[in-house]
Amino acid sequence: MPNFRRSFVPGGTFFFTVVTYKRRCILTKPESLEILHDVVDNVKQQHPLYMVFAGR
């Protein structure tokens, strides 16, 4: 498990790339994308954020 540093910068912009284990194509299935969107929505309710772009 990687050890990520968490940084807080008020008003900062952050870029995240999501890659699956061994680059498996699990995020191409509609069910998986729905779960991912649900998780992102849940996080957005708990932590205010603004998504500039989400794509593939």
Foldseek 3Di string as FASTA:
>chain_A
DDDDDDDDDVVDDDDDDDADDVNDPPCVDPVNVVVVVVVVVVVCVVDPDDDPDDDD
